[in-house]
Amino acid sequence: MKYKMYDELMEQPESLRRTMKLEGEHMDSISSDMVDCRHIYLVGCGSSLSTCYSARDALCMNYETAITVMTGYEFYYHQKISNRDSAVIFTSQSGETADTLAALRKANELGLKTITVTNEPESSMASESSEAVITRCGHEEAILGTKTYMTQLMSLYRILFGMYRDEMAEGVLLELERLPVEIERLLKDTRDQCRDLAEEYSGEEIFYCMGSGPNYGLAYKLAMTMLMEGALKHACPLYSGEFRHGLIERVEAGVPVIFLEAGFPGDELTSRAIAFCEKLGARNIVFRMSDYSDLESILSPFILAVPLEWFVYYLAHYSGEDPGSTRHIGKVRY
């Protein structure tokens, strides 16, 4: 059985190429304009929030900068801003996400610099922001987000690292250019293995998802949108360092725990958690950056996303679900 999500998975490399080509200079200009901002806010919801987490943690690993991640309604209701010399980057696949749009309108009222990264050029958020970066993905239907995740995360990396003029930032920007080829290869190379893995785990109903640094954002996406929305499985994301504050008491033999590992300093704690879970007999599933690519580890949220997409695609299939459909999202007001 082939679902609509399959086509969208396969469109990721070309979506990255188009976005880089058509929005590259625009993103460079935005980066230059943001250099003197005293504070940067990244605002999103769901899969878009996960890209904010990864981009923030990637930047803060390398630079001391004032950058805050918030959900749309948390920014709208709870964020006090007295310093008008701030920029807010809003992320939304549709450009109509109600909470993120409300946050954008608040930021505009406060006179802040506003940038939206969206896939819909005619959307409210694209038209109401000071600047809009359009991810060139074409229409996306699958709820958990594949090509829009990739291009949105790439845009955040490009804008944020583009603010700096040093060897580290230049290296990241060069590595971003390699992504389309790497993603193309991974889509071919990881499918069969992840299909078999998904069949093995299709009877499980709860997954814990763990990562450190920029991979926490991917763990968040994996749990919140991929497993819960796409495969209709219970899931919980957490930083690797938080394993000892909760999950250490709950994990037990037979419980699936997904680890994202990229050799970050914080992955020392990921390795400890892996070893602890092994001793208990938990069903560890470890996705290591070194098994998939020789790109810099800071790009692991892009690389590890591909085998995870295949895993969730087939996990939903073997569980009798369409990985791109929804039961309530977009259908029910609450």
Foldseek 3Di string as FASTA:
>chain_A
DDFPVVVLLLLQLVLLVVLCVPCVVVLLVLLQVLLPQQAEEEEEDALSLLLLQLLVLLLVVPDDGHYYYDYLQCLLPPDDDPDQSYEYEYEDAQLPPPSNVSNLVVNVVSNHQYEYEYQDCPHPNNVSHPYYRHRPRPDDQFFLDRNSSLNSSLSSLSNNLSNDDDPVSVQVVVLSVCLSVLSNVLLVPQQVVLLVVLLVCLVAAEEEEEEAGSCLSLSSSLQRRLCCFQQVGHYYGDYLVCCVVPVLVVQAAAAEYEYEEEPDPSCVSVVVVVVSNVVRNYRYHYDYPVVRDPRHSSCSSSGSVSSSNSNSCSSNVSNVHHRRDGDPVVNDDD
